[in-house]
């Protein structure tokens, strides 16, 4: 039962990444693209955690943690660029 729920959650995560990718490509403004990028990174982190659960490998959670830190820094840099430029 739990495995089925996690698979459904994985499908929703993939759908979320695809919708955010569409907004990233089509977004009329830089802020739309920045938000879509942040959504894709957060969803990717949850996908990595889901893969870690199914594979039974704890080391993948470390990868997700590092990816989360890097994505946070990249969103901060994008926000500074939008605000005043680099």
N, C-alpha and C. Protein backbone atom coordinates (compact mmCIF):
# COMPACT_ATOMS: atom_id res chain seq x y z
N UNK A 1 0.81 -1.19 0.00
CA UNK A 1 0.00 0.00 0.00
C UNK A 1 0.86 1.26 0.00
N UNK A 2 1.86 1.29 0.88
CA UNK A 2 2.74 2.45 0.95
C UNK A 2 3.53 2.62 -0.35
N UNK A 3 3.92 1.51 -0.93
CA UNK A 3 4.65 1.57 -2.19
C UNK A 3 3.80 2.16 -3.31
N UNK A 4 2.53 1.83 -3.33
CA UNK A 4 1.62 2.38 -4.33
C UNK A 4 1.45 3.89 -4.15
N UNK A 5 1.33 4.32 -2.92
CA UNK A 5 1.19 5.75 -2.63
C UNK A 5 2.45 6.50 -3.05
N UNK A 6 3.61 5.91 -2.79
CA UNK A 6 4.86 6.56 -3.19
C UNK A 6 5.01 6.62 -4.70
N UNK A 7 4.54 5.59 -5.40
CA UNK A 7 4.58 5.63 -6.86
C UNK A 7 3.67 6.72 -7.43
N UNK A 8 2.49 6.86 -6.83
CA UNK A 8 1.57 7.92 -7.26
C UNK A 8 2.20 9.29 -6.98
N UNK A 9 2.86 9.42 -5.83
CA UNK A 9 3.55 10.67 -5.51
C UNK A 9 4.65 10.95 -6.52
N UNK A 10 5.36 9.92 -6.96
CA UNK A 10 6.39 10.08 -7.98
C UNK A 10 5.82 10.57 -9.30
N UNK A 11 4.66 10.06 -9.65
CA UNK A 11 4.01 10.51 -10.89
C UNK A 11 3.62 11.98 -10.78
N UNK A 12 3.10 12.38 -9.62
CA UNK A 12 2.75 13.79 -9.42
C UNK A 12 3.99 14.67 -9.44
N UNK A 13 5.10 14.18 -8.90
CA UNK A 13 6.34 14.94 -8.94
C UNK A 13 6.83 15.13 -10.36
N UNK A 14 6.75 14.07 -11.17
CA UNK A 14 7.16 14.18 -12.57
C UNK A 14 6.26 15.16 -13.31
N UNK A 15 4.98 15.13 -13.03
CA UNK A 15 4.05 16.08 -13.64
C UNK A 15 4.38 17.51 -13.22
N UNK A 16 4.72 17.70 -11.97
CA UNK A 16 5.11 19.02 -11.49
C UNK A 16 6.36 19.54 -12.16
N UNK A 17 7.33 18.65 -12.37
CA UNK A 17 8.56 19.05 -13.06
C UNK A 17 8.26 19.43 -14.51
N UNK A 18 7.40 18.67 -15.17
CA UNK A 18 7.05 18.99 -16.55
C UNK A 18 6.31 20.32 -16.67
N UNK A 19 5.38 20.58 -15.75
CA UNK A 19 4.67 21.86 -15.78
C UNK A 19 5.60 23.03 -15.48
N UNK A 20 6.51 22.84 -14.54
CA UNK A 20 7.47 23.90 -14.25
C UNK A 20 8.44 24.11 -15.42
N UNK A 21 8.80 23.04 -16.10
CA UNK A 21 9.66 23.16 -17.28
C UNK A 21 8.96 23.95 -18.38
N UNK A 22 7.67 23.71 -18.54
CA UNK A 22 6.89 24.46 -19.52
C UNK A 22 6.91 25.95 -19.18
N UNK A 23 6.71 26.28 -17.89
CA UNK A 23 6.72 27.67 -17.47
C UNK A 23 8.11 28.27 -17.61
N UNK A 24 9.14 27.46 -17.38
CA UNK A 24 10.52 27.93 -17.52
C UNK A 24 10.83 28.29 -18.96
N UNK A 25 10.34 27.50 -19.88
CA UNK A 25 10.60 27.76 -21.30
C UNK A 25 9.73 28.90 -21.81
N UNK A 26 8.45 28.91 -21.45
CA UNK A 26 7.51 29.85 -22.00
C UNK A 26 7.41 31.14 -21.20
N UNK A 27 7.82 31.13 -19.94
CA UNK A 27 7.62 32.26 -19.04
C UNK A 27 7.92 33.61 -19.66
N UNK A 28 6.98 34.54 -19.58
CA UNK A 28 7.19 35.83 -20.24
C UNK A 28 8.19 36.73 -19.51
N UNK A 29 8.49 36.43 -18.27
CA UNK A 29 9.34 37.31 -17.49
C UNK A 29 10.44 36.50 -16.81
N UNK A 30 11.48 37.20 -16.38
CA UNK A 30 12.59 36.54 -15.71
C UNK A 30 12.14 35.98 -14.36
N UNK A 31 11.24 36.68 -13.70
CA UNK A 31 10.78 36.19 -12.39
C UNK A 31 9.99 34.88 -12.52
N UNK A 32 9.21 34.75 -13.59
CA UNK A 32 8.50 33.49 -13.83
C UNK A 32 9.49 32.34 -14.02
N UNK A 33 10.54 32.62 -14.75
CA UNK A 33 11.56 31.60 -14.98
C UNK A 33 12.29 31.25 -13.69
N UNK A 34 12.55 32.24 -12.85
CA UNK A 34 13.23 31.98 -11.58
C UNK A 34 12.38 31.12 -10.66
N UNK A 35 11.09 31.42 -10.59
CA UNK A 35 10.20 30.62 -9.75
C UNK A 35 10.06 29.21 -10.29
N UNK A 36 9.97 29.08 -11.61
CA UNK A 36 9.89 27.75 -12.22
C UNK A 36 11.16 26.95 -11.95
N UNK A 37 12.30 27.62 -12.01
CA UNK A 37 13.57 26.95 -11.71
C UNK A 37 13.59 26.46 -10.27
N UNK A 38 13.10 27.28 -9.35
CA UNK A 38 13.07 26.89 -7.94
C UNK A 38 12.11 25.72 -7.72
N UNK A 39 10.98 25.74 -8.39
CA UNK A 39 10.02 24.63 -8.28
C UNK A 39 10.64 23.34 -8.81
N UNK A 40 11.35 23.44 -9.93
CA UNK A 40 11.98 22.24 -10.49
C UNK A 40 13.06 21.68 -9.57
N UNK A 41 13.84 22.55 -8.93
CA UNK A 41 14.88 22.04 -8.05
C UNK A 41 14.30 21.41 -6.79
N UNK A 42 13.28 22.03 -6.21
CA UNK A 42 12.67 21.46 -5.01
C UNK A 42 12.01 20.12 -5.33
N UNK A 43 11.34 20.05 -6.47
CA UNK A 43 10.71 18.79 -6.86
C UNK A 43 11.76 17.73 -7.18
N UNK A 44 12.85 18.14 -7.77
CA UNK A 44 13.94 17.19 -8.06
C UNK A 44 14.55 16.63 -6.78
N UNK A 45 14.64 17.47 -5.76
CA UNK A 45 15.15 17.00 -4.48
C UNK A 45 14.22 15.94 -3.90
N UNK A 46 12.91 16.15 -4.02
CA UNK A 46 11.99 15.14 -3.51
C UNK A 46 12.03 13.87 -4.34
N UNK A 47 12.29 14.00 -5.64
CA UNK A 47 12.45 12.80 -6.48
C UNK A 47 13.69 12.02 -6.07
N UNK A 48 14.77 12.73 -5.76
CA UNK A 48 15.99 12.06 -5.31
C UNK A 48 15.74 11.33 -4.00
N UNK A 49 14.98 11.95 -3.10
CA UNK A 49 14.64 11.29 -1.84
C UNK A 49 13.77 10.06 -2.08
N UNK A 50 12.86 10.14 -3.03
CA UNK A 50 12.03 8.99 -3.37
C UNK A 50 12.86 7.86 -3.96
N UNK A 51 13.80 8.19 -4.80
CA UNK A 51 14.71 7.19 -5.37
C UNK A 51 15.55 6.55 -4.26
N UNK A 52 15.99 7.37 -3.29
CA UNK A 52 16.75 6.84 -2.16
C UNK A 52 15.93 5.84 -1.37
N UNK A 53 14.65 6.11 -1.23
CA UNK A 53 13.78 5.17 -0.50
C UNK A 53 13.64 3.85 -1.27
N UNK A 54 13.35 3.94 -2.56
CA UNK A 54 13.14 2.72 -3.34
C UNK A 54 14.43 1.92 -3.52
N UNK A 55 15.57 2.62 -3.65
CA UNK A 55 16.84 1.92 -3.83
C UNK A 55 17.42 1.43 -2.50
N UNK A 56 16.94 2.00 -1.40
CA UNK A 56 17.47 1.60 -0.10
C UNK A 56 18.87 2.13 0.15
N UNK A 57 19.21 3.24 -0.48
CA UNK A 57 20.54 3.83 -0.35
C UNK A 57 20.44 5.17 0.37
N UNK A 58 21.01 5.26 1.54
CA UNK A 58 20.98 6.48 2.34
C UNK A 58 21.87 7.56 1.72
N UNK A 59 22.89 7.17 0.99
CA UNK A 59 23.84 8.14 0.43
C UNK A 59 23.15 9.10 -0.53
N UNK A 60 22.06 8.68 -1.15
CA UNK A 60 21.34 9.56 -2.06
C UNK A 60 20.73 10.75 -1.33
N UNK A 61 20.44 10.59 -0.05
CA UNK A 61 19.92 11.71 0.72
C UNK A 61 20.98 12.79 0.91
N UNK A 62 22.25 12.39 1.00
CA UNK A 62 23.33 13.37 1.05
C UNK A 62 23.40 14.15 -0.26
N UNK A 63 23.20 13.46 -1.36
CA UNK A 63 23.18 14.12 -2.66
C UNK A 63 22.04 15.12 -2.72
N UNK A 64 20.88 14.75 -2.21
CA UNK A 64 19.73 15.65 -2.20
C UNK A 64 20.01 16.87 -1.32
N UNK A 65 20.68 16.67 -0.21
CA UNK A 65 21.00 17.77 0.68
C UNK A 65 21.96 18.77 0.01
N UNK A 66 22.99 18.27 -0.62
CA UNK A 66 23.94 19.14 -1.32
C UNK A 66 23.25 19.85 -2.48
N UNK A 67 22.42 19.15 -3.20
CA UNK A 67 21.68 19.75 -4.30
C UNK A 67 20.74 20.84 -3.79
N UNK A 68 20.15 20.63 -2.63
CA UNK A 68 19.28 21.65 -2.03
C UNK A 68 20.05 22.90 -1.66
N UNK A 69 21.24 22.73 -1.10
CA UNK A 69 22.06 23.89 -0.75
C UNK A 69 22.49 24.67 -1.99
N UNK A 70 22.89 23.95 -3.02
CA UNK A 70 23.30 24.62 -4.25
C UNK A 70 22.13 25.32 -4.94
N UNK A 71 20.96 24.71 -4.90
CA UNK A 71 19.81 25.35 -5.52
C UNK A 71 19.38 26.58 -4.75
N UNK A 72 19.50 26.55 -3.42
CA UNK A 72 19.21 27.74 -2.63
C UNK A 72 20.13 28.88 -3.00
N UNK A 73 21.41 28.59 -3.12
CA UNK A 73 22.36 29.63 -3.50
C UNK A 73 22.08 30.16 -4.90
N UNK A 74 21.71 29.30 -5.80
CA UNK A 74 21.43 29.76 -7.16
C UNK A 74 20.19 30.64 -7.21
N UNK A 75 19.18 30.34 -6.42
CA UNK A 75 17.98 31.18 -6.38
C UNK A 75 18.30 32.53 -5.75
N UNK A 76 19.17 32.56 -4.76
CA UNK A 76 19.59 33.83 -4.18
C UNK A 76 20.34 34.67 -5.21
N UNK A 77 21.21 34.05 -5.97
CA UNK A 77 21.95 34.77 -7.01
C UNK A 77 21.00 35.30 -8.08
N UNK A 78 20.04 34.51 -8.49
CA UNK A 78 19.06 34.95 -9.48
C UNK A 78 18.24 36.11 -8.93
N UNK A 79 17.86 36.03 -7.67
CA UNK A 79 17.11 37.12 -7.05
C UNK A 79 17.92 38.40 -6.99
N UNK A 80 19.19 38.30 -6.67
CA UNK A 80 20.05 39.50 -6.66
C UNK A 80 20.19 40.07 -8.06
N UNK A 81 20.28 39.21 -9.05
CA UNK A 81 20.39 39.67 -10.43
C UNK A 81 19.11 40.39 -10.86
N UNK A 82 17.96 39.85 -10.50
CA UNK A 82 16.69 40.49 -10.86
C UNK A 82 16.54 41.83 -10.14
N UNK A 83 16.98 41.88 -8.89
CA UNK A 83 16.79 43.09 -8.09
C UNK A 83 17.65 44.25 -8.58
N UNK A 84 18.96 44.02 -8.73
CA UNK A 84 19.85 45.11 -9.12
C UNK A 84 20.84 44.77 -10.21
N UNK A 85 20.93 43.57 -10.57
CA UNK A 85 21.96 43.17 -11.52
C UNK A 85 23.24 42.83 -10.78
N UNK A 86 24.08 42.07 -11.41
CA UNK A 86 25.32 41.66 -10.74
C UNK A 86 26.42 42.63 -11.00
